C-alpha atoms as a PDB file:
ATOM      1  CA  MET A   1    -115.828 -44.788  66.939  1.00  0.00           C
ATOM      2  CA  TYR A   2    -114.560 -48.046  65.442  1.00  0.00           C
ATOM      3  CA  ASN A   3    -117.318 -50.582  64.832  1.00  0.00           C
ATOM      4  CA  PHE A   4    -116.849 -53.769  62.812  1.00  0.00           C
ATOM      5  CA  ASN A   5    -119.933 -55.241  61.142  1.00  0.00           C
ATOM      6  CA  ALA A   6    -118.732 -58.798  60.586  1.00  0.00           C
ATOM      7  CA  GLU A   7    -121.809 -59.945  58.702  1.00  0.00           C
ATOM      8  CA  LYS A   8    -121.696 -57.049  56.242  1.00  0.00           C
ATOM      9  CA  VAL A   9    -117.969 -57.435  55.625  1.00  0.00           C
ATOM     10  CA  LYS A  10    -118.343 -61.191  55.166  1.00  0.00           C
ATOM     11  CA  ASN A  11    -121.165 -60.761  52.674  1.00  0.00           C
ATOM     12  CA  ASP A  12    -119.335 -57.985  50.833  1.00  0.00           C
ATOM     13  CA  CYS A  13    -116.199 -60.137  50.628  1.00  0.00           C
ATOM     14  CA  VAL A  14    -118.175 -63.081  49.230  1.00  0.00           C
ATOM     15  CA  GLN A  15    -119.635 -60.807  46.551  1.00  0.00           C
ATOM     16  CA  TRP A  16    -116.171 -59.382  45.825  1.00  0.00           C
ATOM     17  CA  ILE A  17    -114.854 -62.915  45.207  1.00  0.00           C
ATOM     18  CA  ARG A  18    -117.758 -63.631  42.859  1.00  0.00           C
ATOM     19  CA  ASP A  19    -117.107 -60.394  40.987  1.00  0.00           C
ATOM     20  CA  PHE A  20    -113.392 -61.153  40.701  1.00  0.00           C
ATOM     21  CA  PHE A  21    -114.031 -64.563  39.189  1.00  0.00           C
ATOM     22  CA  GLU A  22    -116.724 -63.213  36.879  1.00  0.00           C
ATOM     23  CA  LYS A  23    -114.286 -60.623  35.525  1.00  0.00           C
ATOM     24  CA  SER A  24    -110.893 -62.322  35.778  1.00  0.00           C
ATOM     25  CA  GLY A  25    -111.549 -66.049  36.021  1.00  0.00           C
ATOM     26  CA  LYS A  26    -114.974 -66.924  34.692  1.00  0.00           C
ATOM     27  CA  GLY A  27    -115.498 -70.629  35.310  1.00  0.00           C
ATOM     28  CA  CYS A  28    -112.142 -70.983  37.083  1.00  0.00           C
ATOM     29  CA  ASN A  29    -111.496 -72.697  40.418  1.00  0.00           C
ATOM     30  CA  ALA A  30    -110.155 -71.083  43.576  1.00  0.00           C
ATOM     31  CA  VAL A  31    -106.934 -72.781  44.689  1.00  0.00           C
ATOM     32  CA  VAL A  32    -106.136 -72.329  48.389  1.00  0.00           C
ATOM     33  CA  GLY A  33    -103.075 -73.489  50.293  1.00  0.00           C
ATOM     34  CA  ILE A  34    -104.429 -75.078  53.478  1.00  0.00           C
ATOM     35  CA  SER A  35    -102.123 -74.792  56.479  1.00  0.00           C
ATOM     36  CA  GLY A  36    -104.530 -75.712  59.262  1.00  0.00           C
ATOM     37  CA  GLY A  37    -104.612 -72.145  60.573  1.00  0.00           C
ATOM     38  CA  LYS A  38    -107.506 -69.721  60.687  1.00  0.00           C
ATOM     39  CA  ASP A  39    -106.528 -67.551  57.719  1.00  0.00           C
ATOM     40  CA  SER A  40    -106.413 -70.265  55.066  1.00  0.00           C
ATOM     41  CA  SER A  41    -109.494 -71.863  56.640  1.00  0.00           C
ATOM     42  CA  ILE A  42    -111.488 -68.623  56.441  1.00  0.00           C
ATOM     43  CA  VAL A  43    -110.338 -67.825  52.896  1.00  0.00           C
ATOM     44  CA  ALA A  44    -111.314 -71.324  51.766  1.00  0.00           C
ATOM     45  CA  ALA A  45    -114.714 -71.024  53.464  1.00  0.00           C
ATOM     46  CA  LEU A  46    -115.336 -67.618  51.864  1.00  0.00           C
ATOM     47  CA  CYS A  47    -114.503 -69.096  48.460  1.00  0.00           C
ATOM     48  CA  VAL A  48    -116.895 -72.000  49.065  1.00  0.00           C
ATOM     49  CA  GLU A  49    -119.697 -69.579  49.931  1.00  0.00           C
ATOM     50  CA  ALA A  50    -118.886 -67.443  46.887  1.00  0.00           C
ATOM     51  CA  LEU A  51    -118.319 -70.157  44.279  1.00  0.00           C
ATOM     52  CA  GLY A  52    -119.623 -73.432  45.704  1.00  0.00           C
ATOM     53  CA  LYS A  53    -117.545 -76.290  47.062  1.00  0.00           C
ATOM     54  CA  ASP A  54    -117.026 -77.849  43.620  1.00  0.00           C
ATOM     55  CA  ARG A  55    -114.972 -74.839  42.517  1.00  0.00           C
ATOM     56  CA  VAL A  56    -112.586 -74.722  45.478  1.00  0.00           C
ATOM     57  CA  ILE A  57    -109.419 -76.837  45.617  1.00  0.00           C
ATOM     58  CA  GLY A  58    -107.418 -77.132  48.823  1.00  0.00           C
ATOM     59  CA  VAL A  59    -103.709 -77.920  48.726  1.00  0.00           C
ATOM     60  CA  LEU A  60    -102.039 -79.310  51.845  1.00  0.00           C
ATOM     61  CA  MET A  61     -98.243 -79.006  51.668  1.00  0.00           C
ATOM     62  CA  PRO A  62     -96.428 -80.587  54.597  1.00  0.00           C
ATOM     63  CA  CYS A  63     -92.632 -80.596  54.623  1.00  0.00           C
ATOM     64  CA  GLY A  64     -91.977 -84.107  55.885  1.00  0.00           C
ATOM     65  CA  GLU A  65     -94.030 -84.554  59.049  1.00  0.00           C
ATOM     66  CA  GLN A  66     -96.473 -81.767  59.943  1.00  0.00           C
ATOM     67  CA  SER A  67     -97.627 -81.908  63.550  1.00  0.00           C
ATOM     68  CA  ASP A  68    -100.919 -80.114  62.888  1.00  0.00           C
ATOM     69  CA  ILE A  69    -101.799 -81.734  59.550  1.00  0.00           C
ATOM     70  CA  ASP A  70    -104.981 -83.023  61.177  1.00  0.00           C
ATOM     71  CA  MET A  71    -106.187 -79.417  61.440  1.00  0.00           C
ATOM     72  CA  ALA A  72    -105.787 -78.952  57.694  1.00  0.00           C
ATOM     73  CA  LYS A  73    -107.636 -82.227  57.088  1.00  0.00           C
ATOM     74  CA  LEU A  74    -110.404 -81.071  59.453  1.00  0.00           C
ATOM     75  CA  LEU A  75    -110.891 -77.994  57.298  1.00  0.00           C
ATOM     76  CA  VAL A  76    -111.157 -79.779  53.958  1.00  0.00           C
ATOM     77  CA  ASP A  77    -113.472 -82.378  55.521  1.00  0.00           C
ATOM     78  CA  THR A  78    -115.651 -79.643  57.051  1.00  0.00           C
ATOM     79  CA  LEU A  79    -115.944 -77.784  53.742  1.00  0.00           C
ATOM     80  CA  GLN A  80    -116.107 -81.012  51.716  1.00  0.00           C
ATOM     81  CA  ILE A  81    -113.749 -79.638  49.080  1.00  0.00           C
ATOM     82  CA  LYS A  82    -111.475 -81.473  46.683  1.00  0.00           C
ATOM     83  CA  HIS A  83    -107.911 -81.421  47.934  1.00  0.00           C
ATOM     84  CA  TYR A  84    -104.394 -82.614  47.242  1.00  0.00           C
ATOM     85  CA  ILE A  85    -101.671 -83.485  49.755  1.00  0.00           C
ATOM     86  CA  ILE A  86     -98.281 -82.635  48.253  1.00  0.00           C
ATOM     87  CA  ASN A  87     -95.224 -83.174  50.434  1.00  0.00           C
ATOM     88  CA  ILE A  88     -92.571 -80.584  49.577  1.00  0.00           C
ATOM     89  CA  LYS A  89     -89.703 -82.120  51.577  1.00  0.00           C
ATOM     90  CA  ASP A  90     -87.889 -83.598  48.576  1.00  0.00           C
ATOM     91  CA  ALA A  91     -88.080 -80.268  46.747  1.00  0.00           C
ATOM     92  CA  VAL A  92     -86.774 -78.338  49.759  1.00  0.00           C
ATOM     93  CA  ASP A  93     -83.977 -80.837  50.410  1.00  0.00           C
ATOM     94  CA  GLY A  94     -83.058 -81.070  46.723  1.00  0.00           C
ATOM     95  CA  LEU A  95     -82.811 -77.321  46.223  1.00  0.00           C
ATOM     96  CA  THR A  96     -80.940 -76.837  49.500  1.00  0.00           C
ATOM     97  CA  ALA A  97     -78.417 -79.500  48.458  1.00  0.00           C
ATOM     98  CA  ALA A  98     -78.039 -77.989  44.976  1.00  0.00           C
ATOM     99  CA  ILE A  99     -77.145 -74.496  46.220  1.00  0.00           C
ATOM    100  CA  PRO A 100     -73.329 -74.393  46.402  1.00  0.00           C
ATOM    101  CA  PHE A 101     -73.072 -72.514  49.688  1.00  0.00           C
ATOM    102  CA  GLU A 102     -74.584 -72.518  53.153  1.00  0.00           C
ATOM    103  CA  LEU A 103     -77.945 -70.763  53.107  1.00  0.00           C
ATOM    104  CA  SER A 104     -78.509 -68.025  55.644  1.00  0.00           C
ATOM    105  CA  GLU A 105     -81.029 -68.882  58.344  1.00  0.00           C
ATOM    106  CA  GLN A 106     -83.648 -66.539  56.906  1.00  0.00           C
ATOM    107  CA  SER A 107     -83.154 -67.904  53.381  1.00  0.00           C
ATOM    108  CA  ARG A 108     -83.606 -71.419  54.711  1.00  0.00           C
ATOM    109  CA  VAL A 109     -86.799 -70.495  56.562  1.00  0.00           C
ATOM    110  CA  ASN A 110     -88.251 -68.656  53.556  1.00  0.00           C
ATOM    111  CA  LEU A 111     -87.485 -71.465  51.116  1.00  0.00           C
ATOM    112  CA  GLN A 112     -90.507 -73.494  52.222  1.00  0.00           C
ATOM    113  CA  PRO A 113     -93.191 -70.823  51.610  1.00  0.00           C
ATOM    114  CA  ARG A 114     -91.622 -69.999  48.240  1.00  0.00           C
ATOM    115  CA  ILE A 115     -91.701 -73.636  47.176  1.00  0.00           C
ATOM    116  CA  ARG A 116     -95.276 -73.882  48.457  1.00  0.00           C
ATOM    117  CA  MET A 117     -96.296 -70.945  46.270  1.00  0.00           C
ATOM    118  CA  SER A 118     -94.655 -72.588  43.235  1.00  0.00           C
ATOM    119  CA  THR A 119     -96.622 -75.721  44.095  1.00  0.00           C
ATOM    120  CA  LEU A 120     -99.892 -73.783  44.303  1.00  0.00           C
ATOM    121  CA  TYR A 121     -99.316 -72.273  40.884  1.00  0.00           C
ATOM    122  CA  ALA A 122     -98.509 -75.677  39.417  1.00  0.00           C
ATOM    123  CA  VAL A 123    -101.799 -77.016  40.797  1.00  0.00           C
ATOM    124  CA  SER A 124    -103.669 -73.903  39.680  1.00  0.00           C
ATOM    125  CA  GLN A 125    -102.363 -73.881  36.120  1.00  0.00           C
ATOM    126  CA  SER A 126    -103.239 -77.542  35.687  1.00  0.00           C
ATOM    127  CA  ASN A 127    -106.733 -77.146  37.173  1.00  0.00           C
ATOM    128  CA  ASN A 128    -108.044 -73.961  35.563  1.00  0.00           C
ATOM    129  CA  GLY A 129    -107.420 -72.092  38.782  1.00  0.00           C
ATOM    130  CA  ARG A 130    -106.746 -68.786  40.463  1.00  0.00           C
ATOM    131  CA  VAL A 131    -104.514 -68.811  43.545  1.00  0.00           C
ATOM    132  CA  ALA A 132    -105.915 -67.229  46.713  1.00  0.00           C
ATOM    133  CA  ASN A 133    -103.667 -65.110  48.865  1.00  0.00           C
ATOM    134  CA  THR A 134    -104.446 -65.877  52.513  1.00  0.00           C
ATOM    135  CA  CYS A 135    -102.717 -62.980  54.307  1.00  0.00           C
ATOM    136  CA  ASN A 136    -104.646 -60.678  56.618  1.00  0.00           C
ATOM    137  CA  LEU A 137    -104.200 -56.959  57.285  1.00  0.00           C
ATOM    138  CA  SER A 138    -102.406 -57.451  60.605  1.00  0.00           C
ATOM    139  CA  GLU A 139     -99.721 -59.657  59.046  1.00  0.00           C
ATOM    140  CA  ASP A 140     -99.328 -57.387  56.038  1.00  0.00           C
ATOM    141  CA  TRP A 141     -99.064 -54.296  58.246  1.00  0.00           C
ATOM    142  CA  VAL A 142     -95.834 -55.529  59.821  1.00  0.00           C
ATOM    143  CA  GLY A 143     -94.556 -57.570  56.867  1.00  0.00           C
ATOM    144  CA  TYR A 144     -95.137 -60.939  58.491  1.00  0.00           C
ATOM    145  CA  SER A 145     -95.067 -62.830  55.220  1.00  0.00           C
ATOM    146  CA  THR A 146     -92.499 -64.149  52.770  1.00  0.00           C
ATOM    147  CA  ARG A 147     -91.916 -62.117  49.633  1.00  0.00           C
ATOM    148  CA  TYR A 148     -92.890 -64.273  46.642  1.00  0.00           C
ATOM    149  CA  GLY A 149     -94.116 -66.885  49.104  1.00  0.00           C
ATOM    150  CA  ASP A 150     -97.341 -66.476  51.043  1.00  0.00           C
ATOM    151  CA  SER A 151     -97.396 -62.745  50.241  1.00  0.00           C
ATOM    152  CA  VAL A 152     -98.594 -63.303  46.666  1.00  0.00           C
ATOM    153  CA  GLY A 153    -101.543 -64.783  44.789  1.00  0.00           C
ATOM    154  CA  ASP A 154    -104.106 -63.876  42.133  1.00  0.00           C
ATOM    155  CA  PHE A 155    -106.717 -62.446  44.515  1.00  0.00           C
ATOM    156  CA  SER A 156    -106.642 -61.471  48.184  1.00  0.00           C
ATOM    157  CA  PRO A 157    -109.960 -61.609  50.049  1.00  0.00           C
ATOM    158  CA  CYS A 158    -108.668 -60.802  53.524  1.00  0.00           C
ATOM    159  CA  SER A 159    -105.747 -58.398  53.169  1.00  0.00           C
ATOM    160  CA  GLY A 160    -107.971 -55.590  54.490  1.00  0.00           C
ATOM    161  CA  ILE A 161    -109.194 -57.540  57.543  1.00  0.00           C
ATOM    162  CA  THR A 162    -107.418 -57.741  60.919  1.00  0.00           C
ATOM    163  CA  VAL A 163    -106.853 -60.893  62.959  1.00  0.00           C
ATOM    164  CA  ALA A 164    -109.641 -60.037  65.438  1.00  0.00           C
ATOM    165  CA  GLU A 165    -112.027 -59.363  62.579  1.00  0.00           C
ATOM    166  CA  MET A 166    -111.029 -62.595  60.833  1.00  0.00           C
ATOM    167  CA  LYS A 167    -112.077 -64.535  63.922  1.00  0.00           C
ATOM    168  CA  GLN A 168    -115.524 -62.956  63.871  1.00  0.00           C
ATOM    169  CA  ILE A 169    -115.947 -63.822  60.206  1.00  0.00           C
ATOM    170  CA  GLY A 170    -114.752 -67.377  60.828  1.00  0.00           C
ATOM    171  CA  ARG A 171    -117.482 -67.877  63.413  1.00  0.00           C
ATOM    172  CA  LEU A 172    -120.117 -66.509  61.022  1.00  0.00           C
ATOM    173  CA  LEU A 173    -118.919 -69.034  58.448  1.00  0.00           C
ATOM    174  CA  GLY A 174    -119.507 -71.857  60.944  1.00  0.00           C
ATOM    175  CA  LEU A 175    -115.912 -73.060  61.089  1.00  0.00           C
ATOM    176  CA  PRO A 176    -114.852 -75.243  64.042  1.00  0.00           C
ATOM    177  CA  ASP A 177    -113.548 -73.272  67.034  1.00  0.00           C
ATOM    178  CA  ALA A 178    -110.349 -75.330  66.925  1.00  0.00           C
ATOM    179  CA  LEU A 179    -109.460 -73.727  63.597  1.00  0.00           C
ATOM    180  CA  ILE A 180    -110.454 -70.184  64.540  1.00  0.00           C
ATOM    181  CA  ASP A 181    -108.815 -70.088  67.963  1.00  0.00           C
ATOM    182  CA  LYS A 182    -105.607 -71.967  67.100  1.00  0.00           C
ATOM    183  CA  ALA A 183    -102.580 -69.853  68.030  1.00  0.00           C
ATOM    184  CA  PRO A 184    -101.207 -68.465  64.768  1.00  0.00           C
ATOM    185  CA  SER A 185     -97.818 -69.861  63.783  1.00  0.00           C
ATOM    186  CA  ASP A 186     -95.773 -69.862  60.590  1.00  0.00           C
ATOM    187  CA  GLY A 187     -95.059 -73.580  61.076  1.00  0.00           C
ATOM    188  CA  LEU A 188     -91.395 -72.994  60.301  1.00  0.00           C
ATOM    189  CA  CYS A 189     -89.538 -72.114  63.486  1.00  0.00           C
ATOM    190  CA  GLY A 190     -91.600 -73.696  66.264  1.00  0.00           C
ATOM    191  CA  LYS A 191     -92.780 -70.374  67.689  1.00  0.00           C
ATOM    192  CA  THR A 192     -96.105 -68.564  67.539  1.00  0.00           C
ATOM    193  CA  ASP A 193     -96.501 -65.418  65.436  1.00  0.00           C
ATOM    194  CA  GLU A 194     -96.738 -63.288  68.566  1.00  0.00           C
ATOM    195  CA  ASP A 195     -93.507 -64.792  69.950  1.00  0.00           C
ATOM    196  CA  ASN A 196     -91.727 -63.846  66.744  1.00  0.00           C
ATOM    197  CA  LEU A 197     -93.267 -60.398  66.427  1.00  0.00           C
ATOM    198  CA  GLY A 198     -92.698 -59.257  70.018  1.00  0.00           C
ATOM    199  CA  PHE A 199     -96.256 -57.978  70.554  1.00  0.00           C
ATOM    200  CA  THR A 200     -99.778 -59.365  70.479  1.00  0.00           C
ATOM    201  CA  TYR A 201    -102.219 -59.236  67.582  1.00  0.00           C
ATOM    202  CA  ALA A 202    -104.721 -57.640  69.970  1.00  0.00           C
ATOM    203  CA  GLU A 203    -102.317 -54.713  70.466  1.00  0.00           C
ATOM    204  CA  LEU A 204    -101.584 -54.491  66.764  1.00  0.00           C
ATOM    205  CA  ASP A 205    -105.230 -54.658  65.686  1.00  0.00           C
ATOM    206  CA  ARG A 206    -106.264 -51.884  68.069  1.00  0.00           C
ATOM    207  CA  TYR A 207    -103.357 -49.742  66.888  1.00  0.00           C
ATOM    208  CA  ILE A 208    -104.337 -50.266  63.232  1.00  0.00           C
ATOM    209  CA  ARG A 209    -108.041 -49.556  63.703  1.00  0.00           C
ATOM    210  CA  GLU A 210    -108.073 -47.006  66.530  1.00  0.00           C
ATOM    211  CA  GLY A 211    -104.548 -45.583  66.578  1.00  0.00           C
ATOM    212  CA  VAL A 212    -104.275 -46.548  70.247  1.00  0.00           C
ATOM    213  CA  ILE A 213    -101.400 -48.473  71.830  1.00  0.00           C
ATOM    214  CA  GLU A 214    -100.285 -48.253  75.446  1.00  0.00           C
ATOM    215  CA  ASN A 215     -96.844 -49.885  75.264  1.00  0.00           C
ATOM    216  CA  GLN A 216     -94.593 -47.335  73.576  1.00  0.00           C
ATOM    217  CA  GLU A 217     -91.821 -49.862  72.955  1.00  0.00           C
ATOM    218  CA  HIS A 218     -94.300 -52.031  71.081  1.00  0.00           C
ATOM    219  CA  LYS A 219     -95.511 -48.971  69.157  1.00  0.00           C
ATOM    220  CA  ALA A 220     -91.971 -48.204  68.035  1.00  0.00           C
ATOM    221  CA  LEU A 221     -91.437 -51.829  67.012  1.00  0.00           C
ATOM    222  CA  ILE A 222     -94.683 -51.932  65.026  1.00  0.00           C
ATOM    223  CA  ASP A 223     -93.900 -48.629  63.310  1.00  0.00           C
ATOM    224  CA  ARG A 224     -90.420 -49.817  62.375  1.00  0.00           C
ATOM    225  CA  LYS A 225     -91.672 -53.137  60.982  1.00  0.00           C
ATOM    226  CA  HIS A 226     -94.418 -51.360  59.036  1.00  0.00           C
ATOM    227  CA  GLU A 227     -91.975 -48.922  57.437  1.00  0.00           C
ATOM    228  CA  LEU A 228     -89.346 -51.542  56.615  1.00  0.00           C
ATOM    229  CA  ASN A 229     -91.838 -53.939  55.026  1.00  0.00           C
ATOM    230  CA  LEU A 230     -94.002 -51.603  52.950  1.00  0.00           C
ATOM    231  CA  PHE A 231     -92.077 -52.697  49.844  1.00  0.00           C
ATOM    232  CA  LYS A 232     -93.739 -56.113  50.070  1.00  0.00           C
ATOM    233  CA  LEU A 233     -97.116 -54.521  49.331  1.00  0.00           C
ATOM    234  CA  GLU A 234     -96.006 -52.347  46.442  1.00  0.00           C
ATOM    235  CA  VAL A 235     -95.839 -53.134  42.742  1.00  0.00           C
ATOM    236  CA  MET A 236     -92.277 -53.951  41.694  1.00  0.00           C
ATOM    237  CA  PRO A 237     -90.525 -50.744  40.594  1.00  0.00           C
ATOM    238  CA  SER A 238     -89.834 -50.694  36.871  1.00  0.00           C
ATOM    239  CA  PHE A 239     -87.750 -48.310  34.783  1.00  0.00           C
ATOM    240  CA  LYS A 240     -89.717 -46.463  32.115  1.00  0.00           C
ATOM    241  CA  PRO A 241     -87.409 -45.073  29.422  1.00  0.00           C
ATOM    242  CA  GLU A 242     -88.318 -41.809  27.736  1.00  0.00           C
ATOM    243  CA  ILE A 243     -88.789 -42.784  24.095  1.00  0.00           C
END
């Protein structure tokens, strides 16, 4: 029977982060894009527990006006971490204007997370950093991320943890309820994640962990999304000549 030990997983994840930095980034800083949602908040808090607040850098990246920027500021104030606010609107507008054709709707939506990831790597490379991926298992399962945007990073503490499990870990870390319980949204289209996906994270999480789902239409949708988006989790295929 499925049983999630939040304290053990949290402690194991903290140790995993320490081990990663000891092996692959000794003395480096963790650089975390802070959106104001639970995932980036929990990843940042895990990094603080693992490395100390002086080795965690938060990067807030509004595109013009961000309605929930106060949530991102609440997180960096709560954790007392160094942070930068970098507005990406000029970059988004400049690149959009420079492309000599009308972008498709999906290309336009995905441009922001891809520019944000470029921004994170610019901050990281200039601050002896390693970029944290903030995706969780539930999002990854159905491909709810942007390829070469929020789907990448140098280390991924929470890609094996579901949304429900993330919430339990967030409470153990002492994060404000407002950050943990905030309805997840990509901040791009004005809808919640669940509105876009067509099913709830509660349904998805139970299906992932227990193989149980009552709505067969939702099961078919989840299965289709999972199959279509597996390529996002795989290493880029490369040709290996026989020499």
